Amino acid sequence: MGGALLEAAVAWATEQRYLKVVLSAFPHNTRAVAFYERHRFTFEGRRARQFHRGDRYIDEVLMARPIGAWAAESGGAGVGGGPAAEPGGEPAAETGGQLSEPGGEPAAGA
């Protein structure tokens, strides 16, 4: 059901003549990142320490999928025409594989 809803949003954006659909996820949410990758979204960037939750800062992974004319130009290969620049939400890429404390130190037990 989630895949059908996501594809309906992509179809709507294509009809509206948008060039890409963008979204974000927490890098430790590997199931979500893998789901988006199955729907041809690729890694586009990372916002370090974007969210504060409890006593931790959490990165945000930015993903995109080219659609319409841009997808045709890139052969549908993904943002920038190549493979994902980073594996699907691997926590190891997130501040050394650990969440950070407010001072930038790794969280206890992380």
Protein backbone atom coordinates (compact mmCIF):
# COMPACT_ATOMS: atom_id res chain seq x y z
CA MET A 1 0.00 0.00 0.00
CA GLY A 2 2.83 2.42 0.85
CA GLY A 3 4.45 1.77 -2.52
CA ALA A 4 1.21 2.50 -4.37
CA LEU A 5 0.78 5.75 -2.46
CA LEU A 6 4.36 6.82 -3.18
CA GLU A 7 3.99 5.98 -6.88
CA ALA A 8 0.70 7.93 -7.01
CA ALA A 9 2.54 10.97 -5.60
CA VAL A 10 5.29 10.55 -8.21
CA ALA A 11 2.68 10.23 -10.98
CA TRP A 12 0.95 13.42 -9.77
CA ALA A 13 4.28 15.30 -9.67
CA THR A 14 5.04 14.09 -13.20
CA GLU A 15 1.64 15.32 -14.44
CA GLN A 16 2.38 18.71 -12.84
CA ARG A 17 5.67 18.80 -14.80
CA TYR A 18 7.98 18.71 -11.79
CA LEU A 19 11.52 17.52 -12.50
CA LYS A 20 12.15 15.59 -9.31
CA VAL A 21 10.56 14.34 -6.12
CA VAL A 22 12.54 14.80 -2.92
CA LEU A 23 12.21 13.33 0.56
CA SER A 24 14.24 12.72 3.66
CA ALA A 25 14.69 10.01 6.27
CA PHE A 26 16.71 9.28 9.36
CA PRO A 27 19.83 7.34 8.34
CA HIS A 28 19.24 4.71 11.01
CA ASN A 29 15.80 3.95 9.52
CA THR A 30 17.25 1.45 7.07
CA ARG A 31 13.86 -0.04 6.21
CA ALA A 32 12.58 3.34 5.01
CA VAL A 33 15.75 4.10 3.05
CA ALA A 34 15.62 0.66 1.40
CA PHE A 35 11.93 1.21 0.55
CA TYR A 36 12.75 4.52 -1.14
CA GLU A 37 15.67 2.96 -3.01
CA ARG A 38 13.33 0.24 -4.33
CA HIS A 39 11.25 3.09 -5.73
CA ARG A 40 14.28 4.55 -7.54
CA PHE A 41 15.16 7.30 -5.05
CA THR A 42 18.88 7.88 -4.64
CA PHE A 43 21.06 9.53 -2.02
CA GLU A 44 21.42 13.25 -2.65
CA GLY A 45 22.88 14.61 0.56
CA ARG A 46 23.02 14.60 4.31
CA ARG A 47 22.26 17.27 6.86
CA ALA A 48 24.51 16.60 9.83
CA ARG A 49 22.94 16.91 13.27
CA GLN A 50 19.70 18.24 11.77
CA PHE A 51 17.36 17.01 14.51
CA HIS A 52 17.60 17.00 18.27
CA ARG A 53 15.81 14.15 20.00
CA GLY A 54 16.22 13.68 23.73
CA ASP A 55 19.92 14.11 24.41
CA ARG A 56 21.04 13.21 20.87
CA TYR A 57 21.48 14.93 17.55
CA ILE A 58 20.43 12.95 14.49
CA ASP A 59 21.47 13.38 10.85
CA GLU A 60 18.94 13.61 8.03
CA VAL A 61 19.44 11.75 4.73
CA LEU A 62 18.16 13.57 1.63
CA MET A 63 16.96 11.47 -1.30
CA ALA A 64 15.51 12.34 -4.70
CA ARG A 65 14.06 10.73 -7.80
CA PRO A 66 14.25 12.46 -11.19
CA ILE A 67 10.98 12.48 -13.11
CA GLY A 68 9.67 13.92 -16.35
CA ALA A 69 12.24 15.54 -18.65
CA TRP A 70 15.08 15.17 -16.15
CA ALA A 71 14.50 11.42 -15.85
CA ALA A 72 14.49 11.12 -19.65
CA GLU A 73 17.81 13.02 -19.87
CA SER A 74 19.48 10.85 -17.24
CA GLY A 75 18.02 7.64 -18.59
CA GLY A 76 16.14 7.28 -15.31
CA ALA A 77 19.44 6.43 -13.62
CA GLY A 78 18.97 8.63 -10.59
CA VAL A 79 20.04 12.01 -9.39
CA GLY A 80 23.15 13.03 -11.27
CA GLY A 81 22.73 10.07 -13.60
CA GLY A 82 24.72 7.67 -11.43
CA PRO A 83 24.25 5.21 -8.60
CA ALA A 84 23.50 6.25 -5.06
CA ALA A 85 26.47 8.10 -3.60
CA GLU A 86 26.02 6.37 -0.27
CA PRO A 87 24.68 2.94 0.62
CA GLY A 88 21.08 2.71 1.78
CA GLY A 89 21.11 4.50 5.10
CA GLU A 90 24.09 2.70 6.59
CA PRO A 91 24.40 4.00 10.15
CA ALA A 92 28.20 3.86 9.81
CA ALA A 93 28.04 7.00 7.66
CA GLU A 94 26.23 8.85 10.42
CA THR A 95 28.85 10.71 12.47
CA GLY A 96 31.12 7.69 12.60
CA GLY A 97 28.28 5.24 13.07
CA GLN A 98 27.11 6.89 16.26
CA LEU A 99 24.59 9.48 17.27
CA SER A 100 26.11 12.54 18.90
CA GLU A 101 25.61 14.27 22.20
CA PRO A 102 24.92 18.04 22.14
CA GLY A 103 28.65 18.77 22.44
CA GLY A 104 29.42 16.61 19.43
CA GLU A 105 30.66 13.68 21.52
CA PRO A 106 29.34 10.18 20.72
CA ALA A 107 26.27 9.30 22.77
CA ALA A 108 26.87 6.99 25.70
CA GLY A 109 26.31 3.40 24.70
CA ALA A 110 26.02 4.28 21.02
